[in-house]
Amino acid sequence: MYEEVITLWKETEGIGLSDADSKKNIQLHLERNPNTSFIAKDKEGTILGAVLCGHDGRRGYNNLNGINFWKRLGWTLREDLQILSKTI
């Protein structure tokens, strides 16, 4: 399943991959953060999107990959919403 998700991410505009996305590192992330990441599939089993969530004991992360998946379903980005973040 890793290869399918990586292929989806590579084909998704705006997604950049690094060494943190290696099979080993993703496996470590999933083991450290069980039951927090999800994959969406269609009826045929094709992966349509992936949500990788977790924390490092201090900060939380939520990486929504597959924005084109949501756009195909009719979702749009809202200009009236903003996210603020502070690195501490």
PDB file of N, CA and C in Angstrom:
ATOM      1  N   MET A   1       0.817  -1.193   0.000  1.00  0.00           N
ATOM      2  CA  MET A   1       0.000   0.000   0.000  1.00  0.00           C
ATOM      3  C   MET A   1       0.872   1.272   0.000  1.00  0.00           C
ATOM      4  N   TYR A   2       2.064   1.195   0.581  1.00  0.00           N
ATOM      5  CA  TYR A   2       2.974   2.339   0.603  1.00  0.00           C
ATOM      6  C   TYR A   2       3.237   2.860  -0.806  1.00  0.00           C
ATOM      7  N   GLU A   3       3.545   1.948  -1.722  1.00  0.00           N
ATOM      8  CA  GLU A   3       3.881   2.361  -3.094  1.00  0.00           C
ATOM      9  C   GLU A   3       2.719   3.098  -3.751  1.00  0.00           C
ATOM     10  N   GLU A   4       1.491   2.642  -3.501  1.00  0.00           N
ATOM     11  CA  GLU A   4       0.323   3.301  -4.084  1.00  0.00           C
ATOM     12  C   GLU A   4       0.157   4.722  -3.544  1.00  0.00           C
ATOM     13  N   VAL A   5       0.354   4.892  -2.244  1.00  0.00           N
ATOM     14  CA  VAL A   5       0.212   6.215  -1.641  1.00  0.00           C
ATOM     15  C   VAL A   5       1.319   7.150  -2.127  1.00  0.00           C
ATOM     16  N   ILE A   6       2.540   6.661  -2.178  1.00  0.00           N
ATOM     17  CA  ILE A   6       3.651   7.489  -2.667  1.00  0.00           C
ATOM     18  C   ILE A   6       3.404   7.909  -4.115  1.00  0.00           C
ATOM     19  N   THR A   7       2.893   6.995  -4.929  1.00  0.00           N
ATOM     20  CA  THR A   7       2.573   7.333  -6.321  1.00  0.00           C
ATOM     21  C   THR A   7       1.524   8.437  -6.365  1.00  0.00           C
ATOM     22  N   LEU A   8       0.490   8.330  -5.530  1.00  0.00           N
ATOM     23  CA  LEU A   8      -0.546   9.367  -5.464  1.00  0.00           C
ATOM     24  C   LEU A   8       0.074  10.705  -5.080  1.00  0.00           C
ATOM     25  N   TRP A   9       0.924  10.700  -4.068  1.00  0.00           N
ATOM     26  CA  TRP A   9       1.547  11.942  -3.621  1.00  0.00           C
ATOM     27  C   TRP A   9       2.428  12.537  -4.708  1.00  0.00           C
ATOM     28  N   LYS A  10       3.176  11.700  -5.420  1.00  0.00           N
ATOM     29  CA  LYS A  10       4.043  12.190  -6.492  1.00  0.00           C
ATOM     30  C   LYS A  10       3.236  12.824  -7.616  1.00  0.00           C
ATOM     31  N   GLU A  11       2.024  12.314  -7.841  1.00  0.00           N
ATOM     32  CA  GLU A  11       1.184  12.805  -8.928  1.00  0.00           C
ATOM     33  C   GLU A  11       0.303  13.976  -8.513  1.00  0.00           C
ATOM     34  N   THR A  12       0.367  14.372  -7.245  1.00  0.00           N
ATOM     35  CA  THR A  12      -0.486  15.439  -6.734  1.00  0.00           C
ATOM     36  C   THR A  12       0.261  16.762  -6.751  1.00  0.00           C
ATOM     37  N   GLU A  13      -0.321  17.727  -7.439  1.00  0.00           N
ATOM     38  CA  GLU A  13       0.277  19.053  -7.551  1.00  0.00           C
ATOM     39  C   GLU A  13       0.493  19.666  -6.166  1.00  0.00           C
ATOM     40  N   GLY A  14       1.668  20.231  -5.956  1.00  0.00           N
ATOM     41  CA  GLY A  14       1.958  20.917  -4.714  1.00  0.00           C
ATOM     42  C   GLY A  14       2.519  20.044  -3.600  1.00  0.00           C
ATOM     43  N   ILE A  15       2.594  18.739  -3.811  1.00  0.00           N
ATOM     44  CA  ILE A  15       3.135  17.841  -2.794  1.00  0.00           C
ATOM     45  C   ILE A  15       4.614  17.622  -3.078  1.00  0.00           C
ATOM     46  N   GLY A  16       5.437  17.863  -2.079  1.00  0.00           N
ATOM     47  CA  GLY A  16       6.860  17.609  -2.191  1.00  0.00           C
ATOM     48  C   GLY A  16       7.249  16.486  -1.247  1.00  0.00           C
ATOM     49  N   LEU A  17       8.084  15.591  -1.695  1.00  0.00           N
ATOM     50  CA  LEU A  17       8.515  14.462  -0.877  1.00  0.00           C
ATOM     51  C   LEU A  17       9.972  14.633  -0.472  1.00  0.00           C
ATOM     52  N   SER A  18      10.324  14.028   0.656  1.00  0.00           N
ATOM     53  CA  SER A  18      11.696  14.093   1.148  1.00  0.00           C
ATOM     54  C   SER A  18      12.063  12.744   1.757  1.00  0.00           C
ATOM     55  N   ASP A  19      13.223  12.670   2.375  1.00  0.00           N
ATOM     56  CA  ASP A  19      13.638  11.440   3.056  1.00  0.00           C
ATOM     57  C   ASP A  19      12.661  11.053   4.167  1.00  0.00           C
ATOM     58  N   ALA A  20      11.959  12.029   4.720  1.00  0.00           N
ATOM     59  CA  ALA A  20      10.963  11.742   5.765  1.00  0.00           C
ATOM     60  C   ALA A  20       9.831  10.864   5.240  1.00  0.00           C
ATOM     61  N   ASP A  21       9.672  10.801   3.915  1.00  0.00           N
ATOM     62  CA  ASP A  21       8.603  10.018   3.305  1.00  0.00           C
ATOM     63  C   ASP A  21       9.068   8.651   2.832  1.00  0.00           C
ATOM     64  N   SER A  22      10.263   8.244   3.251  1.00  0.00           N
ATOM     65  CA  SER A  22      10.743   6.909   2.880  1.00  0.00           C
ATOM     66  C   SER A  22       9.847   5.852   3.525  1.00  0.00           C
ATOM     67  N   LYS A  23       9.884   4.675   2.971  1.00  0.00           N
ATOM     68  CA  LYS A  23       9.055   3.582   3.506  1.00  0.00           C
ATOM     69  C   LYS A  23       9.363   3.345   4.986  1.00  0.00           C
ATOM     70  N   LYS A  24      10.641   3.348   5.336  1.00  0.00           N
ATOM     71  CA  LYS A  24      11.040   3.131   6.729  1.00  0.00           C
ATOM     72  C   LYS A  24      10.496   4.236   7.639  1.00  0.00           C
ATOM     73  N   ASN A  25      10.636   5.493   7.241  1.00  0.00           N
ATOM     74  CA  ASN A  25      10.174   6.602   8.067  1.00  0.00           C
ATOM     75  C   ASN A  25       8.659   6.654   8.192  1.00  0.00           C
ATOM     76  N   ILE A  26       7.954   6.344   7.115  1.00  0.00           N
ATOM     77  CA  ILE A  26       6.493   6.297   7.198  1.00  0.00           C
ATOM     78  C   ILE A  26       6.061   5.172   8.135  1.00  0.00           C
ATOM     79  N   GLN A  27       6.711   4.018   8.046  1.00  0.00           N
ATOM     80  CA  GLN A  27       6.393   2.899   8.939  1.00  0.00           C
ATOM     81  C   GLN A  27       6.620   3.287  10.406  1.00  0.00           C
ATOM     82  N   LEU A  28       7.734   3.957  10.690  1.00  0.00           N
ATOM     83  CA  LEU A  28       8.006   4.418  12.059  1.00  0.00           C
ATOM     84  C   LEU A  28       6.936   5.407  12.529  1.00  0.00           C
ATOM     85  N   HIS A  29       6.531   6.314  11.651  1.00  0.00           N
ATOM     86  CA  HIS A  29       5.479   7.278  11.984  1.00  0.00           C
ATOM     87  C   HIS A  29       4.170   6.565  12.324  1.00  0.00           C
ATOM     88  N   LEU A  30       3.797   5.585  11.498  1.00  0.00           N
ATOM     89  CA  LEU A  30       2.552   4.855  11.727  1.00  0.00           C
ATOM     90  C   LEU A  30       2.600   4.033  13.019  1.00  0.00           C
ATOM     91  N   GLU A  31       3.744   3.476  13.337  1.00  0.00           N
ATOM     92  CA  GLU A  31       3.890   2.724  14.584  1.00  0.00           C
ATOM     93  C   GLU A  31       3.820   3.648  15.797  1.00  0.00           C
ATOM     94  N   ARG A  32       4.370   4.844  15.677  1.00  0.00           N
ATOM     95  CA  ARG A  32       4.380   5.822  16.764  1.00  0.00           C
ATOM     96  C   ARG A  32       3.013   6.478  16.938  1.00  0.00           C
ATOM     97  N   ASN A  33       2.214   6.499  15.872  1.00  0.00           N
ATOM     98  CA  ASN A  33       0.912   7.172  15.874  1.00  0.00           C
ATOM     99  C   ASN A  33      -0.167   6.235  15.333  1.00  0.00           C
ATOM    100  N   PRO A  34      -0.450   5.140  16.047  1.00  0.00           N
ATOM    101  CA  PRO A  34      -1.436   4.186  15.534  1.00  0.00           C
ATOM    102  C   PRO A  34      -2.849   4.786  15.504  1.00  0.00           C
ATOM    103  N   ASN A  35      -3.619   4.362  14.526  1.00  0.00           N
ATOM    104  CA  ASN A  35      -5.035   4.740  14.412  1.00  0.00           C
ATOM    105  C   ASN A  35      -5.264   6.228  14.175  1.00  0.00           C
ATOM    106  N   THR A  36      -4.294   6.936  13.621  1.00  0.00           N
ATOM    107  CA  THR A  36      -4.491   8.360  13.362  1.00  0.00           C
ATOM    108  C   THR A  36      -4.397   8.712  11.883  1.00  0.00           C
ATOM    109  N   SER A  37      -4.041   7.777  11.038  1.00  0.00           N
ATOM    110  CA  SER A  37      -3.899   8.039   9.603  1.00  0.00           C
ATOM    111  C   SER A  37      -4.887   7.170   8.826  1.00  0.00           C
ATOM    112  N   PHE A  38      -5.359   7.710   7.708  1.00  0.00           N
ATOM    113  CA  PHE A  38      -6.421   7.036   6.969  1.00  0.00           C
ATOM    114  C   PHE A  38      -6.177   7.109   5.469  1.00  0.00           C
ATOM    115  N   ILE A  39      -6.740   6.133   4.767  1.00  0.00           N
ATOM    116  CA  ILE A  39      -6.675   6.078   3.315  1.00  0.00           C
ATOM    117  C   ILE A  39      -8.103   5.958   2.788  1.00  0.00           C
ATOM    118  N   ALA A  40      -8.426   6.748   1.762  1.00  0.00           N
ATOM    119  CA  ALA A  40      -9.735   6.669   1.111  1.00  0.00           C
ATOM    120  C   ALA A  40      -9.573   5.888  -0.185  1.00  0.00           C
ATOM    121  N   LYS A  41     -10.461   4.899  -0.383  1.00  0.00           N
ATOM    122  CA  LYS A  41     -10.437   4.084  -1.597  1.00  0.00           C
ATOM    123  C   LYS A  41     -11.802   4.123  -2.267  1.00  0.00           C
ATOM    124  N   ASP A  42     -11.814   3.922  -3.579  1.00  0.00           N
ATOM    125  CA  ASP A  42     -13.090   3.795  -4.269  1.00  0.00           C
ATOM    126  C   ASP A  42     -13.550   2.341  -4.198  1.00  0.00           C
ATOM    127  N   LYS A  43     -14.679   2.040  -4.806  1.00  0.00           N
ATOM    128  CA  LYS A  43     -15.251   0.688  -4.732  1.00  0.00           C
ATOM    129  C   LYS A  43     -14.342  -0.372  -5.317  1.00  0.00           C
ATOM    130  N   GLU A  44     -13.486   0.026  -6.259  1.00  0.00           N
ATOM    131  CA  GLU A  44     -12.562  -0.919  -6.882  1.00  0.00           C
ATOM    132  C   GLU A  44     -11.273  -1.086  -6.077  1.00  0.00           C
ATOM    133  N   GLY A  45     -11.119  -0.305  -5.010  1.00  0.00           N
ATOM    134  CA  GLY A  45      -9.928  -0.405  -4.178  1.00  0.00           C
ATOM    135  C   GLY A  45      -8.807   0.537  -4.551  1.00  0.00           C
ATOM    136  N   THR A  46      -9.062   1.433  -5.515  1.00  0.00           N
ATOM    137  CA  THR A  46      -8.049   2.414  -5.899  1.00  0.00           C
ATOM    138  C   THR A  46      -7.939   3.474  -4.814  1.00  0.00           C
ATOM    139  N   ILE A  47      -6.714   3.784  -4.420  1.00  0.00           N
ATOM    140  CA  ILE A  47      -6.506   4.801  -3.388  1.00  0.00           C
ATOM    141  C   ILE A  47      -6.758   6.178  -3.988  1.00  0.00           C
ATOM    142  N   LEU A  48      -7.658   6.930  -3.352  1.00  0.00           N
ATOM    143  CA  LEU A  48      -8.034   8.254  -3.823  1.00  0.00           C
ATOM    144  C   LEU A  48      -7.411   9.372  -2.995  1.00  0.00           C
ATOM    145  N   GLY A  49      -7.091   9.089  -1.754  1.00  0.00           N
ATOM    146  CA  GLY A  49      -6.536  10.103  -0.872  1.00  0.00           C
ATOM    147  C   GLY A  49      -5.947   9.465   0.363  1.00  0.00           C
ATOM    148  N   ALA A  50      -5.104  10.226   1.044  1.00  0.00           N
ATOM    149  CA  ALA A  50      -4.474   9.743   2.266  1.00  0.00           C
ATOM    150  C   ALA A  50      -4.350  10.891   3.254  1.00  0.00           C
ATOM    151  N   VAL A  51      -4.657  10.619   4.506  1.00  0.00           N
ATOM    152  CA  VAL A  51      -4.502  11.596   5.579  1.00  0.00           C
ATOM    153  C   VAL A  51      -3.508  11.005   6.563  1.00  0.00           C
ATOM    154  N   LEU A  52      -2.379  11.672   6.712  1.00  0.00           N
ATOM    155  CA  LEU A  52      -1.320  11.216   7.609  1.00  0.00           C
ATOM    156  C   LEU A  52      -1.305  12.161   8.806  1.00  0.00           C
ATOM    157  N   CYS A  53      -1.668  11.655   9.968  1.00  0.00           N
ATOM    158  CA  CYS A  53      -1.754  12.469  11.181  1.00  0.00           C
ATOM    159  C   CYS A  53      -0.872  11.877  12.266  1.00  0.00           C
ATOM    160  N   GLY A  54      -0.460  12.713  13.183  1.00  0.00           N
ATOM    161  CA  GLY A  54       0.339  12.215  14.289  1.00  0.00           C
ATOM    162  C   GLY A  54       0.905  13.342  15.122  1.00  0.00           C
ATOM    163  N   HIS A  55       1.800  12.985  16.026  1.00  0.00           N
ATOM    164  CA  HIS A  55       2.466  13.970  16.875  1.00  0.00           C
ATOM    165  C   HIS A  55       3.848  13.447  17.250  1.00  0.00           C
ATOM    166  N   ASP A  56       4.665  14.350  17.733  1.00  0.00           N
ATOM    167  CA  ASP A  56       6.013  13.968  18.152  1.00  0.00           C
ATOM    168  C   ASP A  56       6.149  14.058  19.672  1.00  0.00           C
ATOM    169  N   GLY A  57       5.028  14.042  20.379  1.00  0.00           N
ATOM    170  CA  GLY A  57       5.027  14.162  21.828  1.00  0.00           C
ATOM    171  C   GLY A  57       4.802  15.591  22.283  1.00  0.00           C
ATOM    172  N   ARG A  58       4.874  16.516  21.366  1.00  0.00           N
ATOM    173  CA  ARG A  58       4.720  17.928  21.701  1.00  0.00           C
ATOM    174  C   ARG A  58       3.851  18.664  20.692  1.00  0.00           C
ATOM    175  N   ARG A  59       4.103  18.418  19.411  1.00  0.00           N
ATOM    176  CA  ARG A  59       3.351  19.093  18.351  1.00  0.00           C
ATOM    177  C   ARG A  59       2.488  18.085  17.611  1.00  0.00           C
ATOM    178  N   GLY A  60       1.365  18.537  17.111  1.00  0.00           N
ATOM    179  CA  GLY A  60       0.502  17.688  16.296  1.00  0.00           C
ATOM    180  C   GLY A  60       0.660  18.020  14.831  1.00  0.00           C
ATOM    181  N   TYR A  61       0.466  17.015  13.998  1.00  0.00           N
ATOM    182  CA  TYR A  61       0.588  17.197  12.553  1.00  0.00           C
ATOM    183  C   TYR A  61      -0.624  16.587  11.868  1.00  0.00           C
ATOM    184  N   ASN A  62      -1.064  17.230  10.817  1.00  0.00           N
ATOM    185  CA  ASN A  62      -2.151  16.713  10.007  1.00  0.00           C
ATOM    186  C   ASN A  62      -1.813  17.065   8.567  1.00  0.00           C
ATOM    187  N   ASN A  63      -1.374  16.098   7.803  1.00  0.00           N
ATOM    188  CA  ASN A  63      -0.994  16.318   6.414  1.00  0.00           C
ATOM    189  C   ASN A  63      -2.075  15.764   5.505  1.00  0.00           C
ATOM    190  N   LEU A  64      -2.822  16.648   4.879  1.00  0.00           N
ATOM    191  CA  LEU A  64      -3.852  16.216   3.937  1.00  0.00           C
ATOM    192  C   LEU A  64      -3.239  16.178   2.553  1.00  0.00           C
ATOM    193  N   ASN A  65      -3.098  15.003   2.036  1.00  0.00           N
ATOM    194  CA  ASN A  65      -2.530  14.834   0.707  1.00  0.00           C
ATOM    195  C   ASN A  65      -3.623  14.404  -0.243  1.00  0.00           C
ATOM    196  N   GLY A  66      -3.549  14.890  -1.433  1.00  0.00           N
ATOM    197  CA  GLY A  66      -4.546  14.538  -2.426  1.00  0.00           C
ATOM    198  C   GLY A  66      -5.601  15.622  -2.590  1.00  0.00           C
ATOM    199  N   ILE A  67      -5.184  16.907  -2.581  1.00  0.00           N
ATOM    200  CA  ILE A  67      -6.132  18.007  -2.733  1.00  0.00           C
ATOM    201  C   ILE A  67      -6.963  17.843  -4.000  1.00  0.00           C
ATOM    202  N   ASN A  68      -6.363  17.256  -5.037  1.00  0.00           N
ATOM    203  CA  ASN A  68      -7.118  17.047  -6.276  1.00  0.00           C
ATOM    204  C   ASN A  68      -8.271  16.079  -6.068  1.00  0.00           C
ATOM    205  N   PHE A  69      -8.108  15.134  -5.139  1.00  0.00           N
ATOM    206  CA  PHE A  69      -9.208  14.218  -4.799  1.00  0.00           C
ATOM    207  C   PHE A  69     -10.409  15.016  -4.323  1.00  0.00           C
ATOM    208  N   TRP A  70     -10.179  15.951  -3.413  1.00  0.00           N
ATOM    209  CA  TRP A  70     -11.284  16.750  -2.868  1.00  0.00           C
ATOM    210  C   TRP A  70     -11.877  17.655  -3.930  1.00  0.00           C
ATOM    211  N   LYS A  71     -11.024  18.227  -4.772  1.00  0.00           N
ATOM    212  CA  LYS A  71     -11.521  19.101  -5.837  1.00  0.00           C
ATOM    213  C   LYS A  71     -12.411  18.327  -6.802  1.00  0.00           C
ATOM    214  N   ARG A  72     -12.044  17.072  -7.093  1.00  0.00           N
ATOM    215  CA  ARG A  72     -12.870  16.244  -7.990  1.00  0.00           C
ATOM    216  C   ARG A  72     -14.249  15.974  -7.400  1.00  0.00           C
ATOM    217  N   LEU A  73     -14.344  16.004  -6.071  1.00  0.00           N
ATOM    218  CA  LEU A  73     -15.634  15.788  -5.408  1.00  0.00           C
ATOM    219  C   LEU A  73     -16.436  17.075  -5.259  1.00  0.00           C
ATOM    220  N   GLY A  74     -15.873  18.195  -5.745  1.00  0.00           N
ATOM    221  CA  GLY A  74     -16.587  19.454  -5.702  1.00  0.00           C
ATOM    222  C   GLY A  74     -16.207  20.378  -4.557  1.00  0.00           C
ATOM    223  N   TRP A  75     -15.249  19.996  -3.729  1.00  0.00           N
ATOM    224  CA  TRP A  75     -14.795  20.854  -2.635  1.00  0.00           C
ATOM    225  C   TRP A  75     -13.950  21.980  -3.225  1.00  0.00           C
ATOM    226  N   THR A  76     -13.999  23.145  -2.597  1.00  0.00           N
ATOM    227  CA  THR A  76     -13.197  24.279  -3.031  1.00  0.00           C
ATOM    228  C   THR A  76     -12.459  24.875  -1.837  1.00  0.00           C
ATOM    229  N   LEU A  77     -11.340  25.536  -2.132  1.00  0.00           N
ATOM    230  CA  LEU A  77     -10.611  26.250  -1.090  1.00  0.00           C
ATOM    231  C   LEU A  77     -11.342  27.545  -0.810  1.00  0.00           C
ATOM    232  N   ARG A  78     -11.500  27.875   0.470  1.00  0.00           N
ATOM    233  CA  ARG A  78     -12.204  29.088   0.850  1.00  0.00           C
ATOM    234  C   ARG A  78     -11.210  30.175   1.212  1.00  0.00           C
ATOM    235  N   GLU A  79     -11.339  31.303   0.531  1.00  0.00           N
ATOM    236  CA  GLU A  79     -10.450  32.433   0.771  1.00  0.00           C
ATOM    237  C   GLU A  79     -10.761  33.126   2.096  1.00  0.00           C
ATOM    238  N   ASP A  80     -11.982  32.904   2.640  1.00  0.00           N
ATOM    239  CA  ASP A  80     -12.370  33.576   3.879  1.00  0.00           C
ATOM    240  C   ASP A  80     -11.877  32.854   5.135  1.00  0.00           C
ATOM    241  N   LEU A  81     -11.201  31.709   4.971  1.00  0.00           N
ATOM    242  CA  LEU A  81     -10.664  30.979   6.117  1.00  0.00           C
ATOM    243  C   LEU A  81      -9.150  31.096   6.127  1.00  0.00           C
ATOM    244  N   GLN A  82      -8.601  31.248   7.315  1.00  0.00           N
ATOM    245  CA  GLN A  82      -7.157  31.354   7.452  1.00  0.00           C
ATOM    246  C   GLN A  82      -6.687  30.441   8.566  1.00  0.00           C
ATOM    247  N   ILE A  83      -5.470  29.973   8.456  1.00  0.00           N
ATOM    248  CA  ILE A  83      -4.844  29.173   9.498  1.00  0.00           C
ATOM    249  C   ILE A  83      -3.632  29.953   9.993  1.00  0.00           C
ATOM    250  N   LEU A  84      -3.562  30.090  11.310  1.00  0.00           N
ATOM    251  CA  LEU A  84      -2.397  30.722  11.919  1.00  0.00           C
ATOM    252  C   LEU A  84      -1.566  29.680  12.619  1.00  0.00           C
ATOM    253  N   SER A  85      -0.268  29.828  12.545  1.00  0.00           N
ATOM    254  CA  SER A  85       0.639  28.859  13.166  1.00  0.00           C
ATOM    255  C   SER A  85       1.807  29.618  13.755  1.00  0.00           C
ATOM    256  N   LYS A  86       2.320  29.094  14.854  1.00  0.00           N
ATOM    257  CA  LYS A  86       3.493  29.697  15.484  1.00  0.00           C
ATOM    258  C   LYS A  86       4.470  28.595  15.857  1.00  0.00           C
ATOM    259  N   THR A  87       5.692  28.735  15.419  1.00  0.00           N
ATOM    260  CA  THR A  87       6.735  27.786  15.791  1.00  0.00           C
ATOM    261  C   THR A  87       7.289  28.235  17.134  1.00  0.00           C
ATOM    262  N   ILE A  88       7.250  27.318  18.111  1.00  0.00           N
ATOM    263  CA  ILE A  88       7.771  27.665  19.445  1.00  0.00           C
ATOM    264  C   ILE A  88       8.895  26.741  19.845  1.00  0.00           C
TER     265      ILE A  88
END
